[in-house]
N, C-alpha and C. Protein backbone atom coordinates (compact mmCIF):
# COMPACT_ATOMS: atom_id res chain seq x y z
N UNK A 1 30.11 -27.66 -55.24
CA UNK A 1 29.19 -26.99 -54.44
C UNK A 1 29.09 -27.77 -53.19
N UNK A 2 30.13 -28.33 -52.75
CA UNK A 2 29.96 -29.11 -51.50
C UNK A 2 29.86 -28.19 -50.19
N UNK A 3 30.32 -27.03 -50.34
CA UNK A 3 30.34 -26.12 -49.15
C UNK A 3 29.40 -24.92 -49.52
N UNK A 4 29.08 -24.12 -48.52
CA UNK A 4 28.18 -23.06 -48.57
C UNK A 4 28.99 -21.64 -49.07
N UNK A 5 30.16 -21.83 -49.19
CA UNK A 5 31.01 -20.50 -49.36
C UNK A 5 30.62 -19.93 -50.72
N UNK A 6 30.42 -20.70 -51.84
CA UNK A 6 30.10 -20.16 -53.12
C UNK A 6 28.62 -20.07 -53.49
N UNK A 7 27.91 -20.55 -52.49
CA UNK A 7 26.30 -20.48 -52.75
C UNK A 7 25.90 -19.14 -52.87
N UNK A 8 25.11 -18.92 -53.85
CA UNK A 8 24.27 -17.48 -53.86
C UNK A 8 22.95 -17.66 -53.16
N UNK A 9 22.39 -18.89 -52.96
CA UNK A 9 21.02 -19.08 -52.46
C UNK A 9 21.25 -20.46 -51.82
N UNK A 10 20.70 -20.61 -50.65
CA UNK A 10 20.61 -22.02 -50.02
C UNK A 10 19.25 -22.09 -49.25
N UNK A 11 18.60 -23.12 -49.58
CA UNK A 11 17.31 -23.48 -48.68
C UNK A 11 17.22 -24.81 -48.39
N UNK A 12 16.96 -25.12 -46.92
CA UNK A 12 16.80 -26.34 -46.51
C UNK A 12 15.34 -26.65 -46.39
N UNK A 13 14.94 -27.80 -47.05
CA UNK A 13 13.53 -28.16 -47.05
C UNK A 13 13.15 -29.06 -45.76
N UNK A 14 13.10 -28.30 -44.57
CA UNK A 14 12.69 -29.00 -43.41
C UNK A 14 11.27 -29.39 -43.41
N UNK A 15 10.85 -30.44 -42.87
CA UNK A 15 9.50 -30.86 -42.78
C UNK A 15 8.77 -30.00 -41.86
N UNK A 16 7.34 -29.93 -42.30
CA UNK A 16 6.55 -29.15 -41.31
C UNK A 16 6.35 -29.63 -39.94
N UNK A 17 5.76 -28.87 -39.27
CA UNK A 17 5.69 -29.09 -37.71
C UNK A 17 4.78 -30.46 -37.55
N UNK A 18 3.92 -30.74 -38.33
CA UNK A 18 2.98 -31.85 -38.22
C UNK A 18 3.74 -33.17 -38.44
N UNK A 19 4.88 -33.26 -39.12
CA UNK A 19 5.70 -34.30 -39.07
C UNK A 19 6.36 -34.61 -37.84
N UNK A 20 6.99 -33.48 -37.15
CA UNK A 20 7.54 -33.49 -35.82
C UNK A 20 6.53 -34.12 -34.80
N UNK A 21 5.29 -33.63 -34.86
CA UNK A 21 4.39 -33.94 -33.78
C UNK A 21 4.05 -35.31 -33.93
N UNK A 22 3.72 -35.87 -35.18
CA UNK A 22 3.38 -37.21 -35.42
C UNK A 22 4.47 -38.19 -34.97
N UNK A 23 5.68 -37.95 -35.40
CA UNK A 23 6.95 -38.54 -34.96
C UNK A 23 7.12 -38.81 -33.68
N UNK A 24 7.16 -37.67 -33.02
CA UNK A 24 7.36 -37.63 -31.40
C UNK A 24 6.28 -38.11 -30.77
N UNK A 25 5.05 -37.96 -31.24
CA UNK A 25 3.97 -38.60 -30.59
C UNK A 25 3.98 -40.11 -30.59
N UNK A 26 4.36 -40.62 -31.77
CA UNK A 26 4.65 -42.08 -31.82
C UNK A 26 5.59 -42.56 -30.82
N UNK A 27 6.73 -41.95 -30.67
CA UNK A 27 7.81 -42.29 -29.83
C UNK A 27 7.31 -42.18 -28.43
N UNK A 28 6.69 -41.05 -28.03
CA UNK A 28 6.27 -41.09 -26.63
C UNK A 28 5.29 -42.14 -26.27
N UNK A 29 4.27 -42.37 -27.26
CA UNK A 29 3.27 -43.51 -27.02
C UNK A 29 3.94 -44.71 -26.85
N UNK A 30 4.84 -45.06 -27.70
CA UNK A 30 5.67 -46.29 -27.50
C UNK A 30 6.45 -46.49 -26.22
N UNK A 31 7.10 -45.33 -25.79
CA UNK A 31 7.81 -45.26 -24.66
C UNK A 31 6.91 -45.56 -23.33
N UNK A 32 5.77 -44.85 -23.48
CA UNK A 32 4.76 -45.04 -22.26
C UNK A 32 4.21 -46.45 -22.30
N UNK A 33 3.93 -47.11 -23.40
CA UNK A 33 3.40 -48.39 -23.31
C UNK A 33 4.53 -49.38 -22.80
N UNK A 34 5.71 -49.14 -23.22
CA UNK A 34 6.78 -50.11 -22.65
C UNK A 34 7.09 -49.79 -21.14
N UNK A 35 6.91 -48.55 -20.77
CA UNK A 35 7.21 -48.25 -19.34
C UNK A 35 6.00 -48.88 -18.48
N UNK A 36 4.85 -48.94 -18.91
CA UNK A 36 3.76 -49.47 -18.18
C UNK A 36 3.67 -50.97 -18.23
N UNK A 37 4.03 -51.52 -19.45
CA UNK A 37 3.99 -53.03 -19.51
C UNK A 37 5.20 -53.73 -19.03
N UNK A 38 6.44 -52.99 -19.14
CA UNK A 38 7.69 -53.87 -18.81
C UNK A 38 8.20 -53.03 -17.61
N UNK A 39 8.84 -51.94 -18.02
CA UNK A 39 9.55 -51.25 -16.75
C UNK A 39 9.57 -49.85 -17.25
N UNK A 40 9.71 -48.80 -16.14
CA UNK A 40 9.83 -47.38 -16.50
C UNK A 40 11.27 -47.17 -17.11
N UNK A 41 12.36 -47.98 -16.68
CA UNK A 41 13.66 -47.82 -17.34
C UNK A 41 13.52 -48.06 -18.78
N UNK A 42 13.13 -49.16 -19.11
CA UNK A 42 13.00 -49.56 -20.58
C UNK A 42 12.23 -48.51 -21.33
N UNK A 43 11.11 -47.96 -20.81
CA UNK A 43 10.26 -47.09 -21.25
C UNK A 43 11.12 -45.68 -21.62
N UNK A 44 12.03 -45.20 -20.68
CA UNK A 44 12.94 -44.24 -20.83
C UNK A 44 13.98 -44.46 -21.97
N UNK A 45 14.49 -45.60 -21.90
CA UNK A 45 15.50 -46.01 -22.96
C UNK A 45 14.89 -45.90 -24.31
N UNK A 46 13.66 -46.53 -24.50
CA UNK A 46 12.95 -46.68 -25.77
C UNK A 46 12.67 -44.94 -26.21
N UNK A 47 12.17 -44.34 -25.24
CA UNK A 47 11.91 -42.89 -25.58
C UNK A 47 13.20 -42.07 -26.01
N UNK A 48 14.31 -42.29 -25.39
CA UNK A 48 15.50 -41.54 -25.79
C UNK A 48 16.02 -42.08 -27.06
N UNK A 49 15.98 -43.39 -27.30
CA UNK A 49 16.57 -44.01 -28.46
C UNK A 49 15.57 -43.52 -29.68
N UNK A 50 14.20 -43.55 -29.47
CA UNK A 50 13.34 -43.13 -30.48
C UNK A 50 13.54 -41.59 -30.91
N UNK A 51 13.70 -40.83 -29.79
CA UNK A 51 13.90 -39.41 -30.15
C UNK A 51 15.23 -39.13 -31.05
N UNK A 52 16.27 -39.79 -30.59
CA UNK A 52 17.55 -39.75 -31.39
C UNK A 52 17.23 -40.22 -32.90
N UNK A 53 16.50 -41.36 -33.12
CA UNK A 53 16.16 -41.77 -34.37
C UNK A 53 15.36 -41.07 -35.21
N UNK A 54 14.24 -40.21 -34.40
CA UNK A 54 13.57 -39.27 -35.29
C UNK A 54 14.37 -38.16 -35.72
N UNK A 55 15.05 -37.66 -34.81
CA UNK A 55 16.09 -36.38 -35.25
C UNK A 55 16.87 -36.89 -36.45
N UNK A 56 17.40 -37.84 -36.37
CA UNK A 56 18.50 -38.40 -37.45
C UNK A 56 17.63 -38.55 -38.74
N UNK A 57 16.42 -39.02 -38.69
CA UNK A 57 15.57 -39.28 -39.76
C UNK A 57 15.13 -38.02 -40.47
N UNK A 58 14.75 -37.04 -39.53
CA UNK A 58 14.29 -35.72 -40.10
C UNK A 58 15.59 -35.02 -40.77
N UNK A 59 16.79 -35.17 -40.31
CA UNK A 59 17.95 -34.57 -40.70
C UNK A 59 18.10 -35.20 -42.25
N UNK A 60 17.97 -36.47 -42.42
CA UNK A 60 18.20 -37.12 -43.55
C UNK A 60 17.17 -36.74 -44.70
N UNK A 61 16.00 -36.53 -44.29
CA UNK A 61 14.92 -36.25 -45.41
C UNK A 61 14.92 -34.73 -45.63
N UNK A 62 15.56 -33.82 -44.88
CA UNK A 62 15.51 -32.43 -45.23
C UNK A 62 16.42 -32.13 -46.28
N UNK A 63 16.08 -32.20 -47.53
CA UNK A 63 16.86 -31.94 -48.55
C UNK A 63 17.33 -30.49 -48.70
N UNK A 64 18.53 -30.09 -49.46
CA UNK A 64 19.03 -28.69 -49.56
C UNK A 64 18.78 -28.42 -50.96
N UNK A 65 18.51 -27.16 -51.24
CA UNK A 65 18.56 -26.44 -52.50
C UNK A 65 19.61 -25.54 -52.52
N UNK A 66 20.67 -25.49 -53.51
CA UNK A 66 21.76 -24.64 -53.45
C UNK A 66 21.87 -24.04 -54.83
N UNK A 67 22.09 -22.68 -55.00
CA UNK A 67 22.39 -22.02 -56.18
C UNK A 67 23.80 -21.54 -56.03
N UNK A 68 24.56 -22.03 -56.85
CA UNK A 68 26.12 -21.70 -56.67
C UNK A 68 26.76 -21.52 -58.00
N UNK A 69 28.01 -21.22 -58.05
CA UNK A 69 28.69 -20.96 -59.22
C UNK A 69 28.81 -22.07 -60.09
N UNK A 70 28.77 -23.37 -59.71
CA UNK A 70 28.77 -24.54 -60.57
C UNK A 70 27.45 -24.90 -61.24
N UNK A 71 26.48 -24.40 -60.55
CA UNK A 71 25.11 -24.76 -60.98
C UNK A 71 24.14 -24.94 -59.96
N UNK A 72 23.06 -25.48 -60.20
CA UNK A 72 21.90 -25.66 -59.19
C UNK A 72 21.98 -27.20 -58.76
N UNK A 73 21.90 -27.28 -57.31
CA UNK A 73 21.88 -28.40 -56.66
C UNK A 73 20.65 -28.63 -55.88
N UNK A 74 19.91 -29.79 -56.20
CA UNK A 74 18.73 -30.02 -55.49
C UNK A 74 18.80 -31.39 -54.89
N UNK A 75 18.96 -31.57 -53.57
CA UNK A 75 19.18 -32.81 -52.83
C UNK A 75 20.73 -33.25 -53.39
N UNK A 76 20.64 -34.55 -54.01
CA UNK A 76 21.96 -35.01 -54.65
C UNK A 76 22.25 -34.71 -55.95
N UNK A 77 21.17 -34.26 -56.57
CA UNK A 77 21.25 -33.93 -58.04
C UNK A 77 21.84 -32.54 -58.41
N UNK A 78 22.46 -32.46 -59.42
CA UNK A 78 23.22 -31.21 -59.83
C UNK A 78 22.91 -30.83 -61.28
N UNK A 79 22.54 -29.72 -61.58
CA UNK A 79 22.19 -29.07 -63.04
C UNK A 79 23.20 -28.00 -63.29
N UNK A 80 24.28 -28.32 -64.19
CA UNK A 80 25.22 -27.37 -64.42
C UNK A 80 24.43 -26.14 -65.23
N UNK A 81 25.05 -25.05 -65.04
CA UNK A 81 24.46 -23.74 -65.62
C UNK A 81 24.28 -24.01 -67.14
N UNK A 82 25.21 -24.52 -67.89
CA UNK A 82 25.10 -24.66 -69.39
C UNK A 82 23.90 -25.53 -69.77
N UNK A 83 23.28 -26.26 -68.92
CA UNK A 83 22.08 -27.11 -69.21
C UNK A 83 20.84 -26.45 -68.57
N UNK A 84 20.83 -25.22 -67.89
CA UNK A 84 19.71 -24.77 -67.20
C UNK A 84 18.89 -23.76 -68.14
N UNK A 85 17.65 -24.00 -68.51
CA UNK A 85 16.93 -23.18 -69.36
C UNK A 85 16.13 -22.10 -68.45
N UNK A 86 14.87 -22.11 -69.04
CA UNK A 86 14.00 -21.10 -68.49
C UNK A 86 13.49 -21.44 -67.02
N UNK A 87 13.30 -20.50 -66.24
CA UNK A 87 12.96 -20.67 -64.79
C UNK A 87 11.65 -19.97 -64.65
N UNK A 88 10.75 -20.85 -63.80
CA UNK A 88 9.45 -20.17 -63.36
C UNK A 88 9.15 -20.60 -62.00
N UNK A 89 8.84 -19.33 -61.30
CA UNK A 89 8.33 -19.51 -59.95
C UNK A 89 6.78 -19.82 -59.92
N UNK A 90 6.31 -20.74 -59.14
CA UNK A 90 4.94 -21.00 -59.10
C UNK A 90 4.32 -20.73 -57.84
N UNK A 91 3.18 -20.33 -57.75
CA UNK A 91 2.44 -20.18 -56.47
C UNK A 91 1.77 -21.50 -56.13
N UNK A 92 0.93 -21.53 -55.11
CA UNK A 92 0.36 -22.72 -54.68
C UNK A 92 -0.49 -23.43 -55.75
N UNK A 93 -1.30 -22.69 -56.46
CA UNK A 93 -2.25 -23.23 -57.64
C UNK A 93 -1.30 -23.72 -58.76
N UNK A 94 -0.31 -22.97 -59.14
CA UNK A 94 0.57 -23.50 -60.19
C UNK A 94 1.45 -24.71 -59.82
N UNK A 95 1.78 -24.81 -58.57
CA UNK A 95 2.66 -25.84 -58.32
C UNK A 95 1.80 -27.08 -58.07
N UNK A 96 0.50 -27.03 -57.65
CA UNK A 96 -0.44 -28.05 -57.65
C UNK A 96 -0.74 -28.65 -59.06
N UNK A 97 -0.73 -27.72 -60.05
CA UNK A 97 -0.98 -28.07 -61.45
C UNK A 97 0.34 -28.82 -61.98
N UNK A 98 1.55 -28.32 -61.62
CA UNK A 98 2.64 -28.91 -61.98
C UNK A 98 3.08 -30.49 -61.43
N UNK A 99 2.44 -30.54 -60.15
CA UNK A 99 2.53 -31.76 -59.58
C UNK A 99 1.46 -32.91 -59.87
N UNK A 100 0.46 -32.31 -60.50
CA UNK A 100 -0.77 -33.14 -60.88
C UNK A 100 -0.71 -33.79 -62.21
N UNK A 101 -1.82 -34.16 -62.85
CA UNK A 101 -1.75 -34.96 -63.98
C UNK A 101 -1.47 -34.01 -65.13
N UNK A 102 -1.48 -32.76 -65.06
CA UNK A 102 -1.13 -31.86 -66.15
C UNK A 102 0.44 -31.59 -66.17
N UNK A 103 1.15 -32.03 -65.13
CA UNK A 103 2.43 -31.65 -65.17
C UNK A 103 3.31 -32.50 -66.04
N UNK A 104 4.60 -32.21 -66.06
CA UNK A 104 5.65 -32.85 -66.93
C UNK A 104 5.73 -34.24 -66.36
N UNK A 105 5.51 -35.38 -66.97
CA UNK A 105 5.84 -36.78 -66.39
C UNK A 105 7.36 -37.05 -66.33
N UNK A 106 8.15 -36.27 -67.03
CA UNK A 106 9.71 -36.68 -67.04
C UNK A 106 10.28 -35.83 -66.15
N UNK A 107 9.74 -34.96 -65.34
CA UNK A 107 10.36 -34.02 -64.51
C UNK A 107 11.08 -34.67 -63.32
N UNK A 108 12.15 -34.09 -63.03
CA UNK A 108 12.93 -34.42 -61.71
C UNK A 108 12.25 -33.74 -60.69
N UNK A 109 11.61 -34.42 -59.55
CA UNK A 109 10.84 -33.93 -58.54
C UNK A 109 11.74 -33.70 -57.21
N UNK A 110 11.79 -32.67 -56.64
CA UNK A 110 12.32 -32.63 -55.24
C UNK A 110 11.07 -31.84 -54.42
N UNK A 111 10.26 -32.75 -53.87
CA UNK A 111 9.04 -32.35 -53.19
C UNK A 111 9.13 -32.70 -51.80
N UNK A 112 8.74 -32.03 -50.92
CA UNK A 112 8.62 -32.49 -49.43
C UNK A 112 7.43 -31.80 -48.87
N UNK A 113 6.74 -32.76 -48.21
CA UNK A 113 5.55 -32.42 -47.47
C UNK A 113 5.83 -31.32 -46.41
N UNK A 114 4.86 -30.44 -46.28
CA UNK A 114 5.02 -29.37 -45.31
C UNK A 114 5.84 -28.19 -45.57
N UNK A 115 6.51 -28.21 -46.86
CA UNK A 115 7.38 -27.23 -47.23
C UNK A 115 6.72 -25.95 -47.55
N UNK A 116 5.56 -26.02 -48.05
CA UNK A 116 4.79 -24.78 -48.44
C UNK A 116 4.15 -25.25 -49.93
N UNK A 117 3.22 -24.27 -50.33
CA UNK A 117 2.65 -24.52 -51.57
C UNK A 117 3.44 -24.22 -52.93
N UNK A 118 4.53 -23.25 -52.65
CA UNK A 118 5.18 -22.69 -53.74
C UNK A 118 6.24 -23.84 -54.40
N UNK A 119 6.54 -23.56 -55.61
CA UNK A 119 7.61 -24.43 -56.28
C UNK A 119 8.37 -23.64 -57.43
N UNK A 120 9.31 -24.23 -57.84
CA UNK A 120 10.15 -23.51 -59.03
C UNK A 120 10.26 -24.60 -60.14
N UNK A 121 10.10 -24.15 -61.36
CA UNK A 121 10.31 -25.22 -62.50
C UNK A 121 11.50 -24.56 -63.18
N UNK A 122 12.53 -25.59 -63.58
CA UNK A 122 13.68 -25.27 -64.26
C UNK A 122 13.60 -26.09 -65.51
N UNK A 123 13.87 -25.45 -66.57
CA UNK A 123 13.87 -26.12 -67.74
C UNK A 123 15.33 -26.79 -67.90
N UNK A 124 15.42 -28.05 -68.43
CA UNK A 124 16.71 -28.69 -68.64
C UNK A 124 16.90 -28.84 -70.15
N UNK A 125 17.90 -28.22 -70.67
CA UNK A 125 18.31 -28.15 -72.11
C UNK A 125 19.22 -29.31 -72.49
N UNK A 126 19.72 -30.15 -71.62
CA UNK A 126 20.66 -31.25 -71.97
C UNK A 126 19.82 -32.30 -72.67
N UNK A 127 20.18 -32.50 -74.00
CA UNK A 127 19.49 -33.62 -74.72
C UNK A 127 19.65 -34.97 -74.16
N UNK A 128 20.68 -35.24 -73.47
CA UNK A 128 21.00 -36.63 -72.93
C UNK A 128 20.31 -36.84 -71.61
N UNK A 129 19.86 -35.83 -71.12
CA UNK A 129 19.13 -35.79 -69.70
C UNK A 129 17.72 -36.35 -69.81
N UNK A 130 17.27 -37.43 -69.18
CA UNK A 130 15.93 -37.98 -69.24
C UNK A 130 14.81 -36.98 -68.76
N UNK A 131 15.30 -36.08 -67.89
CA UNK A 131 14.28 -35.20 -67.28
C UNK A 131 14.27 -33.74 -68.10
N UNK A 132 13.16 -33.30 -68.66
CA UNK A 132 13.02 -32.25 -69.39
C UNK A 132 12.94 -30.87 -68.47
N UNK A 133 12.45 -31.14 -67.30
CA UNK A 133 12.25 -30.08 -66.27
C UNK A 133 12.73 -30.64 -64.85
N UNK A 134 13.01 -29.58 -64.12
CA UNK A 134 13.24 -29.93 -62.49
C UNK A 134 11.94 -29.16 -61.89
N UNK A 135 11.30 -29.97 -60.88
CA UNK A 135 10.32 -29.14 -60.16
C UNK A 135 10.65 -29.26 -58.66
N UNK A 136 10.82 -28.12 -58.17
CA UNK A 136 11.51 -28.02 -56.78
C UNK A 136 10.58 -27.26 -55.90
N UNK A 137 10.27 -27.97 -54.74
CA UNK A 137 9.40 -27.25 -53.83
C UNK A 137 10.41 -26.19 -53.17
N UNK A 138 9.68 -25.13 -52.70
CA UNK A 138 10.37 -24.05 -52.14
C UNK A 138 9.41 -23.23 -51.20
N UNK A 139 10.01 -22.78 -50.02
CA UNK A 139 9.30 -21.93 -49.24
C UNK A 139 9.16 -20.42 -49.90
N UNK A 140 10.16 -20.24 -50.52
CA UNK A 140 10.47 -18.85 -51.24
C UNK A 140 10.60 -18.94 -52.73
N UNK A 141 9.71 -19.49 -53.43
CA UNK A 141 9.80 -19.67 -54.91
C UNK A 141 10.37 -18.34 -55.80
N UNK A 142 10.00 -17.33 -55.40
CA UNK A 142 10.24 -16.08 -56.22
C UNK A 142 11.77 -15.83 -55.94
N UNK A 143 12.22 -15.90 -54.63
CA UNK A 143 13.67 -15.66 -54.35
C UNK A 143 14.44 -16.82 -54.91
N UNK A 144 14.10 -18.00 -55.03
CA UNK A 144 14.88 -19.08 -55.68
C UNK A 144 14.94 -18.92 -57.08
N UNK A 145 13.84 -18.40 -57.78
CA UNK A 145 13.93 -18.28 -59.16
C UNK A 145 14.70 -17.06 -59.51
N UNK A 146 14.74 -16.02 -58.87
CA UNK A 146 15.52 -14.78 -58.99
C UNK A 146 17.06 -15.14 -58.78
N UNK A 147 17.38 -15.82 -57.78
CA UNK A 147 18.82 -16.31 -57.49
C UNK A 147 19.31 -17.16 -58.67
N UNK A 148 18.40 -18.20 -59.29
CA UNK A 148 18.90 -18.93 -60.29
C UNK A 148 19.09 -17.98 -61.68
N UNK A 149 18.24 -17.08 -61.85
CA UNK A 149 18.42 -16.22 -63.03
C UNK A 149 19.58 -15.32 -62.83
N UNK A 150 19.74 -14.66 -61.80
CA UNK A 150 20.89 -13.80 -61.51
C UNK A 150 22.16 -14.59 -61.56
N UNK A 151 22.35 -15.67 -60.81
CA UNK A 151 23.53 -16.36 -60.95
C UNK A 151 23.90 -17.04 -62.38
N UNK A 152 22.96 -17.57 -62.94
CA UNK A 152 23.20 -18.10 -64.39
C UNK A 152 23.44 -16.85 -65.29
N UNK A 153 22.87 -15.80 -65.04
CA UNK A 153 23.18 -14.57 -66.01
C UNK A 153 24.59 -13.99 -65.62
N UNK A 154 25.02 -14.03 -64.58
CA UNK A 154 26.54 -13.69 -64.37
C UNK A 154 27.47 -14.62 -64.83
N UNK A 155 27.09 -15.85 -64.99
CA UNK A 155 28.16 -16.81 -65.35
C UNK A 155 28.04 -17.27 -66.84
N UNK A 156 27.05 -16.79 -67.53
CA UNK A 156 26.69 -17.20 -68.87
C UNK A 156 27.89 -16.61 -69.72
N UNK A 157 28.29 -17.33 -70.89
CA UNK A 157 29.34 -16.66 -71.64
C UNK A 157 28.72 -15.57 -72.58
């Protein structure tokens, strides 16, 4: 599933706008401080370098969830269909419960701040896997759960 050609569902977990505002605000503050204290040219250089670093950093933390013919991919982890069990879409309250003290302590978590209140829980049936479930943040938990069920159902023996 390295490419999107076979993907039935793809979602990129971009951070919320507050992370962009905080990151860019920090870069601008640093650039202004250097521009005033040292030189305007150094301020511009620090500002441009900081902007590039923020964009690269955000691209690195924006995980991808893919539902494809080989299985479910969440970030770098992959769950083949033969080990995917029940699927449950959670609303904000259900996701908060699953993330909190009442959740599965062995769960594989792919959570990103600012993604939204919803999540999807996928049961892992592989007895060798240390994770009994996957908890995935999603802006569209119902669509993700439906895509998992449909794709797994079409490919099941």
